[in-house]
Amino acid sequence: MQYMLVYRETLAEVGRRDDPAAAPAYWGAWNAYIGALGGAGVIVSGNGLQPPRTGTTVRVTGGQRQVRSAAAKASL
């Protein structure tokens, strides 16, 4: 049996990826975590998804589907 893990981060956490002061600690922690998973033999693949700015939220309320793009959400 295989599972997909999705890691959720706030926009502030995502911003640390490219922050010169925060990026080394951010990526160091991720590399250690992924390395531990790989060392345990539990990773099959590590493909990333699209960045948050491309996301779409789909909700069903009262039987009606509501679709909101990341661009629309940012303008609220």
PDB file of N, CA and C in Angstrom:
ATOM      1  N   MET A   1       0.842  -1.168   0.000  1.00  0.00           N
ATOM      2  CA  MET A   1       0.000   0.000   0.000  1.00  0.00           C
ATOM      3  C   MET A   1       0.893   1.239   0.000  1.00  0.00           C
ATOM      4  N   GLN A   2       0.496   2.241  -0.776  1.00  0.00           N
ATOM      5  CA  GLN A   2       1.251   3.486  -0.845  1.00  0.00           C
ATOM      6  C   GLN A   2       0.362   4.647  -0.422  1.00  0.00           C
ATOM      7  N   TYR A   3       0.989   5.669   0.126  1.00  0.00           N
ATOM      8  CA  TYR A   3       0.282   6.858   0.580  1.00  0.00           C
ATOM      9  C   TYR A   3       0.946   8.092   0.005  1.00  0.00           C
ATOM     10  N   MET A   4       0.171   9.143  -0.082  1.00  0.00           N
ATOM     11  CA  MET A   4       0.723  10.439  -0.475  1.00  0.00           C
ATOM     12  C   MET A   4       0.686  11.339   0.748  1.00  0.00           C
ATOM     13  N   LEU A   5       1.805  11.949   1.069  1.00  0.00           N
ATOM     14  CA  LEU A   5       1.863  12.918   2.155  1.00  0.00           C
ATOM     15  C   LEU A   5       1.876  14.312   1.556  1.00  0.00           C
ATOM     16  N   VAL A   6       1.044  15.170   2.086  1.00  0.00           N
ATOM     17  CA  VAL A   6       1.007  16.552   1.647  1.00  0.00           C
ATOM     18  C   VAL A   6       1.414  17.407   2.843  1.00  0.00           C
ATOM     19  N   TYR A   7       2.418  18.224   2.658  1.00  0.00           N
ATOM     20  CA  TYR A   7       2.909  19.094   3.718  1.00  0.00           C
ATOM     21  C   TYR A   7       2.325  20.479   3.515  1.00  0.00           C
ATOM     22  N   ARG A   8       1.650  20.960   4.519  1.00  0.00           N
ATOM     23  CA  ARG A   8       1.027  22.279   4.424  1.00  0.00           C
ATOM     24  C   ARG A   8       1.889  23.294   5.165  1.00  0.00           C
ATOM     25  N   GLU A   9       2.105  24.435   4.546  1.00  0.00           N
ATOM     26  CA  GLU A   9       2.866  25.512   5.157  1.00  0.00           C
ATOM     27  C   GLU A   9       2.108  26.826   4.999  1.00  0.00           C
ATOM     28  N   THR A  10       2.302  27.715   5.953  1.00  0.00           N
ATOM     29  CA  THR A  10       1.740  29.057   5.822  1.00  0.00           C
ATOM     30  C   THR A  10       2.550  29.825   4.778  1.00  0.00           C
ATOM     31  N   LEU A  11       2.013  30.938   4.314  1.00  0.00           N
ATOM     32  CA  LEU A  11       2.757  31.756   3.351  1.00  0.00           C
ATOM     33  C   LEU A  11       4.047  32.285   3.973  1.00  0.00           C
ATOM     34  N   ALA A  12       4.037  32.551   5.276  1.00  0.00           N
ATOM     35  CA  ALA A  12       5.261  33.005   5.951  1.00  0.00           C
ATOM     36  C   ALA A  12       6.332  31.921   5.916  1.00  0.00           C
ATOM     37  N   GLU A  13       5.919  30.670   6.142  1.00  0.00           N
ATOM     38  CA  GLU A  13       6.879  29.565   6.086  1.00  0.00           C
ATOM     39  C   GLU A  13       7.419  29.389   4.672  1.00  0.00           C
ATOM     40  N   VAL A  14       6.552  29.495   3.690  1.00  0.00           N
ATOM     41  CA  VAL A  14       6.980  29.374   2.294  1.00  0.00           C
ATOM     42  C   VAL A  14       7.973  30.490   1.967  1.00  0.00           C
ATOM     43  N   GLY A  15       7.756  31.678   2.511  1.00  0.00           N
ATOM     44  CA  GLY A  15       8.650  32.801   2.278  1.00  0.00           C
ATOM     45  C   GLY A  15      10.060  32.573   2.796  1.00  0.00           C
ATOM     46  N   ARG A  16      10.199  31.706   3.790  1.00  0.00           N
ATOM     47  CA  ARG A  16      11.524  31.406   4.340  1.00  0.00           C
ATOM     48  C   ARG A  16      12.408  30.687   3.325  1.00  0.00           C
ATOM     49  N   ARG A  17      11.820  30.057   2.339  1.00  0.00           N
ATOM     50  CA  ARG A  17      12.592  29.308   1.340  1.00  0.00           C
ATOM     51  C   ARG A  17      13.620  30.178   0.633  1.00  0.00           C
ATOM     52  N   ASP A  18      13.254  31.419   0.358  1.00  0.00           N
ATOM     53  CA  ASP A  18      14.116  32.316  -0.413  1.00  0.00           C
ATOM     54  C   ASP A  18      14.724  33.441   0.420  1.00  0.00           C
ATOM     55  N   ASP A  19      14.426  33.482   1.706  1.00  0.00           N
ATOM     56  CA  ASP A  19      14.975  34.509   2.591  1.00  0.00           C
ATOM     57  C   ASP A  19      16.428  34.154   2.904  1.00  0.00           C
ATOM     58  N   PRO A  20      17.389  35.006   2.521  1.00  0.00           N
ATOM     59  CA  PRO A  20      18.801  34.665   2.731  1.00  0.00           C
ATOM     60  C   PRO A  20      19.144  34.318   4.179  1.00  0.00           C
ATOM     61  N   ALA A  21      18.462  34.940   5.140  1.00  0.00           N
ATOM     62  CA  ALA A  21      18.757  34.658   6.544  1.00  0.00           C
ATOM     63  C   ALA A  21      18.104  33.365   7.024  1.00  0.00           C
ATOM     64  N   ALA A  22      16.935  33.037   6.490  1.00  0.00           N
ATOM     65  CA  ALA A  22      16.175  31.886   6.982  1.00  0.00           C
ATOM     66  C   ALA A  22      16.324  30.632   6.133  1.00  0.00           C
ATOM     67  N   ALA A  23      16.694  30.782   4.870  1.00  0.00           N
ATOM     68  CA  ALA A  23      16.727  29.639   3.947  1.00  0.00           C
ATOM     69  C   ALA A  23      17.641  28.499   4.396  1.00  0.00           C
ATOM     70  N   PRO A  24      18.844  28.760   4.902  1.00  0.00           N
ATOM     71  CA  PRO A  24      19.695  27.628   5.302  1.00  0.00           C
ATOM     72  C   PRO A  24      19.064  26.745   6.380  1.00  0.00           C
ATOM     73  N   ALA A  25      18.449  27.357   7.384  1.00  0.00           N
ATOM     74  CA  ALA A  25      17.796  26.564   8.433  1.00  0.00           C
ATOM     75  C   ALA A  25      16.563  25.847   7.886  1.00  0.00           C
ATOM     76  N   TYR A  26      15.794  26.550   7.046  1.00  0.00           N
ATOM     77  CA  TYR A  26      14.589  25.961   6.454  1.00  0.00           C
ATOM     78  C   TYR A  26      14.948  24.707   5.661  1.00  0.00           C
ATOM     79  N   TRP A  27      15.878  24.862   4.696  1.00  0.00           N
ATOM     80  CA  TRP A  27      16.239  23.736   3.834  1.00  0.00           C
ATOM     81  C   TRP A  27      17.017  22.673   4.593  1.00  0.00           C
ATOM     82  N   GLY A  28      17.787  23.074   5.590  1.00  0.00           N
ATOM     83  CA  GLY A  28      18.505  22.093   6.402  1.00  0.00           C
ATOM     84  C   GLY A  28      17.550  21.166   7.139  1.00  0.00           C
ATOM     85  N   ALA A  29      16.478  21.748   7.693  1.00  0.00           N
ATOM     86  CA  ALA A  29      15.480  20.937   8.398  1.00  0.00           C
ATOM     87  C   ALA A  29      14.768  19.988   7.436  1.00  0.00           C
ATOM     88  N   TRP A  30      14.381  20.503   6.267  1.00  0.00           N
ATOM     89  CA  TRP A  30      13.717  19.646   5.278  1.00  0.00           C
ATOM     90  C   TRP A  30      14.638  18.525   4.814  1.00  0.00           C
ATOM     91  N   ASN A  31      15.887  18.851   4.533  1.00  0.00           N
ATOM     92  CA  ASN A  31      16.827  17.829   4.071  1.00  0.00           C
ATOM     93  C   ASN A  31      17.040  16.750   5.122  1.00  0.00           C
ATOM     94  N   ALA A  32      17.113  17.139   6.391  1.00  0.00           N
ATOM     95  CA  ALA A  32      17.271  16.151   7.461  1.00  0.00           C
ATOM     96  C   ALA A  32      16.042  15.245   7.545  1.00  0.00           C
ATOM     97  N   TYR A  33      14.865  15.838   7.446  1.00  0.00           N
ATOM     98  CA  TYR A  33      13.618  15.071   7.535  1.00  0.00           C
ATOM     99  C   TYR A  33      13.484  14.103   6.358  1.00  0.00           C
ATOM    100  N   ILE A  34      13.679  14.605   5.159  1.00  0.00           N
ATOM    101  CA  ILE A  34      13.568  13.759   3.970  1.00  0.00           C
ATOM    102  C   ILE A  34      14.656  12.690   3.979  1.00  0.00           C
ATOM    103  N   GLY A  35      15.851  13.052   4.443  1.00  0.00           N
ATOM    104  CA  GLY A  35      16.931  12.073   4.558  1.00  0.00           C
ATOM    105  C   GLY A  35      16.583  10.941   5.507  1.00  0.00           C
ATOM    106  N   ALA A  36      15.935  11.283   6.622  1.00  0.00           N
ATOM    107  CA  ALA A  36      15.519  10.256   7.581  1.00  0.00           C
ATOM    108  C   ALA A  36      14.460   9.341   6.975  1.00  0.00           C
ATOM    109  N   LEU A  37      13.512   9.925   6.237  1.00  0.00           N
ATOM    110  CA  LEU A  37      12.491   9.102   5.580  1.00  0.00           C
ATOM    111  C   LEU A  37      13.121   8.194   4.531  1.00  0.00           C
ATOM    112  N   GLY A  38      14.053   8.745   3.759  1.00  0.00           N
ATOM    113  CA  GLY A  38      14.744   7.941   2.747  1.00  0.00           C
ATOM    114  C   GLY A  38      15.568   6.843   3.387  1.00  0.00           C
ATOM    115  N   GLY A  39      16.259   7.165   4.487  1.00  0.00           N
ATOM    116  CA  GLY A  39      17.060   6.174   5.188  1.00  0.00           C
ATOM    117  C   GLY A  39      16.230   5.039   5.754  1.00  0.00           C
ATOM    118  N   ALA A  40      14.987   5.342   6.099  1.00  0.00           N
ATOM    119  CA  ALA A  40      14.077   4.320   6.621  1.00  0.00           C
ATOM    120  C   ALA A  40      13.442   3.510   5.501  1.00  0.00           C
ATOM    121  N   GLY A  41      13.670   3.922   4.247  1.00  0.00           N
ATOM    122  CA  GLY A  41      13.128   3.190   3.104  1.00  0.00           C
ATOM    123  C   GLY A  41      11.657   3.416   2.854  1.00  0.00           C
ATOM    124  N   VAL A  42      11.132   4.545   3.315  1.00  0.00           N
ATOM    125  CA  VAL A  42       9.694   4.771   3.167  1.00  0.00           C
ATOM    126  C   VAL A  42       9.336   5.757   2.056  1.00  0.00           C
ATOM    127  N   ILE A  43      10.327   6.307   1.364  1.00  0.00           N
ATOM    128  CA  ILE A  43      10.039   7.245   0.271  1.00  0.00           C
ATOM    129  C   ILE A  43      10.166   6.537  -1.071  1.00  0.00           C
ATOM    130  N   VAL A  44       9.129   6.659  -1.875  1.00  0.00           N
ATOM    131  CA  VAL A  44       9.149   6.120  -3.230  1.00  0.00           C
ATOM    132  C   VAL A  44       9.487   7.235  -4.209  1.00  0.00           C
ATOM    133  N   SER A  45       8.927   8.405  -3.965  1.00  0.00           N
ATOM    134  CA  SER A  45       9.095   9.542  -4.857  1.00  0.00           C
ATOM    135  C   SER A  45       8.984  10.816  -4.038  1.00  0.00           C
ATOM    136  N   GLY A  46       9.517  11.896  -4.560  1.00  0.00           N
ATOM    137  CA  GLY A  46       9.443  13.166  -3.855  1.00  0.00           C
ATOM    138  C   GLY A  46       9.078  14.310  -4.764  1.00  0.00           C
ATOM    139  N   ASN A  47       8.087  14.113  -5.593  1.00  0.00           N
ATOM    140  CA  ASN A  47       7.684  15.140  -6.546  1.00  0.00           C
ATOM    141  C   ASN A  47       6.908  16.244  -5.850  1.00  0.00           C
ATOM    142  N   GLY A  48       7.226  17.473  -6.183  1.00  0.00           N
ATOM    143  CA  GLY A  48       6.539  18.612  -5.593  1.00  0.00           C
ATOM    144  C   GLY A  48       5.291  18.992  -6.363  1.00  0.00           C
ATOM    145  N   LEU A  49       4.448  19.747  -5.702  1.00  0.00           N
ATOM    146  CA  LEU A  49       3.252  20.290  -6.333  1.00  0.00           C
ATOM    147  C   LEU A  49       3.541  21.725  -6.752  1.00  0.00           C
ATOM    148  N   GLN A  50       2.550  22.399  -7.258  1.00  0.00           N
ATOM    149  CA  GLN A  50       2.703  23.784  -7.684  1.00  0.00           C
ATOM    150  C   GLN A  50       2.757  24.700  -6.455  1.00  0.00           C
ATOM    151  N   PRO A  51       3.346  25.894  -6.580  1.00  0.00           N
ATOM    152  CA  PRO A  51       3.416  26.825  -5.451  1.00  0.00           C
ATOM    153  C   PRO A  51       2.035  27.357  -5.075  1.00  0.00           C
ATOM    154  N   PRO A  52       1.883  27.876  -3.848  1.00  0.00           N
ATOM    155  CA  PRO A  52       0.573  28.326  -3.364  1.00  0.00           C
ATOM    156  C   PRO A  52      -0.124  29.330  -4.270  1.00  0.00           C
ATOM    157  N   ARG A  53       0.619  30.194  -4.948  1.00  0.00           N
ATOM    158  CA  ARG A  53      -0.017  31.230  -5.775  1.00  0.00           C
ATOM    159  C   ARG A  53      -0.809  30.640  -6.940  1.00  0.00           C
ATOM    160  N   THR A  54      -0.618  29.358  -7.252  1.00  0.00           N
ATOM    161  CA  THR A  54      -1.346  28.725  -8.350  1.00  0.00           C
ATOM    162  C   THR A  54      -2.533  27.905  -7.856  1.00  0.00           C
ATOM    163  N   GLY A  55      -2.748  27.883  -6.556  1.00  0.00           N
ATOM    164  CA  GLY A  55      -3.747  27.001  -5.956  1.00  0.00           C
ATOM    165  C   GLY A  55      -5.185  27.410  -6.216  1.00  0.00           C
ATOM    166  N   THR A  56      -6.062  26.451  -6.086  1.00  0.00           N
ATOM    167  CA  THR A  56      -7.495  26.654  -6.191  1.00  0.00           C
ATOM    168  C   THR A  56      -8.158  25.922  -5.037  1.00  0.00           C
ATOM    169  N   THR A  57      -9.130  26.557  -4.423  1.00  0.00           N
ATOM    170  CA  THR A  57      -9.880  25.938  -3.338  1.00  0.00           C
ATOM    171  C   THR A  57     -11.262  25.581  -3.854  1.00  0.00           C
ATOM    172  N   VAL A  58     -11.694  24.363  -3.594  1.00  0.00           N
ATOM    173  CA  VAL A  58     -13.033  23.922  -3.973  1.00  0.00           C
ATOM    174  C   VAL A  58     -13.761  23.537  -2.695  1.00  0.00           C
ATOM    175  N   ARG A  59     -14.920  24.149  -2.474  1.00  0.00           N
ATOM    176  CA  ARG A  59     -15.747  23.839  -1.310  1.00  0.00           C
ATOM    177  C   ARG A  59     -17.162  23.564  -1.785  1.00  0.00           C
ATOM    178  N   VAL A  60     -17.835  22.694  -1.051  1.00  0.00           N
ATOM    179  CA  VAL A  60     -19.242  22.424  -1.329  1.00  0.00           C
ATOM    180  C   VAL A  60     -20.033  22.891  -0.120  1.00  0.00           C
ATOM    181  N   THR A  61     -20.927  23.852  -0.346  1.00  0.00           N
ATOM    182  CA  THR A  61     -21.760  24.400   0.713  1.00  0.00           C
ATOM    183  C   THR A  61     -23.202  24.362   0.249  1.00  0.00           C
ATOM    184  N   GLY A  62     -24.043  23.698   1.015  1.00  0.00           N
ATOM    185  CA  GLY A  62     -25.447  23.608   0.633  1.00  0.00           C
ATOM    186  C   GLY A  62     -25.652  22.947  -0.709  1.00  0.00           C
ATOM    187  N   GLY A  63     -24.800  22.005  -1.036  1.00  0.00           N
ATOM    188  CA  GLY A  63     -24.905  21.291  -2.298  1.00  0.00           C
ATOM    189  C   GLY A  63     -24.372  22.057  -3.501  1.00  0.00           C
ATOM    190  N   GLN A  64     -23.852  23.254  -3.270  1.00  0.00           N
ATOM    191  CA  GLN A  64     -23.325  24.073  -4.357  1.00  0.00           C
ATOM    192  C   GLN A  64     -21.799  24.113  -4.295  1.00  0.00           C
ATOM    193  N   ARG A  65     -21.177  23.921  -5.414  1.00  0.00           N
ATOM    194  CA  ARG A  65     -19.720  23.957  -5.493  1.00  0.00           C
ATOM    195  C   ARG A  65     -19.248  25.400  -5.604  1.00  0.00           C
ATOM    196  N   GLN A  66     -18.255  25.749  -4.798  1.00  0.00           N
ATOM    197  CA  GLN A  66     -17.642  27.070  -4.842  1.00  0.00           C
ATOM    198  C   GLN A  66     -16.166  26.889  -5.166  1.00  0.00           C
ATOM    199  N   VAL A  67     -15.718  27.504  -6.245  1.00  0.00           N
ATOM    200  CA  VAL A  67     -14.322  27.405  -6.672  1.00  0.00           C
ATOM    201  C   VAL A  67     -13.705  28.791  -6.556  1.00  0.00           C
ATOM    202  N   ARG A  68     -12.584  28.856  -5.853  1.00  0.00           N
ATOM    203  CA  ARG A  68     -11.893  30.132  -5.681  1.00  0.00           C
ATOM    204  C   ARG A  68     -10.423  29.933  -6.025  1.00  0.00           C
ATOM    205  N   SER A  69      -9.937  30.736  -6.961  1.00  0.00           N
ATOM    206  CA  SER A  69      -8.522  30.659  -7.342  1.00  0.00           C
ATOM    207  C   SER A  69      -7.683  31.406  -6.318  1.00  0.00           C
ATOM    208  N   ALA A  70      -6.398  31.119  -6.287  1.00  0.00           N
ATOM    209  CA  ALA A  70      -5.491  31.811  -5.371  1.00  0.00           C
ATOM    210  C   ALA A  70      -5.491  33.309  -5.653  1.00  0.00           C
ATOM    211  N   ALA A  71      -5.603  33.698  -6.913  1.00  0.00           N
ATOM    212  CA  ALA A  71      -5.614  35.118  -7.267  1.00  0.00           C
ATOM    213  C   ALA A  71      -6.839  35.810  -6.680  1.00  0.00           C
ATOM    214  N   ALA A  72      -7.988  35.157  -6.726  1.00  0.00           N
ATOM    215  CA  ALA A  72      -9.205  35.731  -6.157  1.00  0.00           C
ATOM    216  C   ALA A  72      -9.097  35.819  -4.644  1.00  0.00           C
ATOM    217  N   LYS A  73      -8.525  34.808  -4.024  1.00  0.00           N
ATOM    218  CA  LYS A  73      -8.360  34.800  -2.574  1.00  0.00           C
ATOM    219  C   LYS A  73      -7.447  35.934  -2.134  1.00  0.00           C
ATOM    220  N   ALA A  74      -6.386  36.187  -2.883  1.00  0.00           N
ATOM    221  CA  ALA A  74      -5.427  37.236  -2.538  1.00  0.00           C
ATOM    222  C   ALA A  74      -6.054  38.625  -2.637  1.00  0.00           C
ATOM    223  N   SER A  75      -7.083  38.770  -3.453  1.00  0.00           N
ATOM    224  CA  SER A  75      -7.696  40.080  -3.641  1.00  0.00           C
ATOM    225  C   SER A  75      -8.758  40.390  -2.596  1.00  0.00           C
ATOM    226  N   LEU A  76      -9.085  39.437  -1.734  1.00  0.00           N
ATOM    227  CA  LEU A  76     -10.116  39.671  -0.709  1.00  0.00           C
ATOM    228  C   LEU A  76      -9.628  40.575   0.390  1.00  0.00           C
TER     229      LEU A  76
END
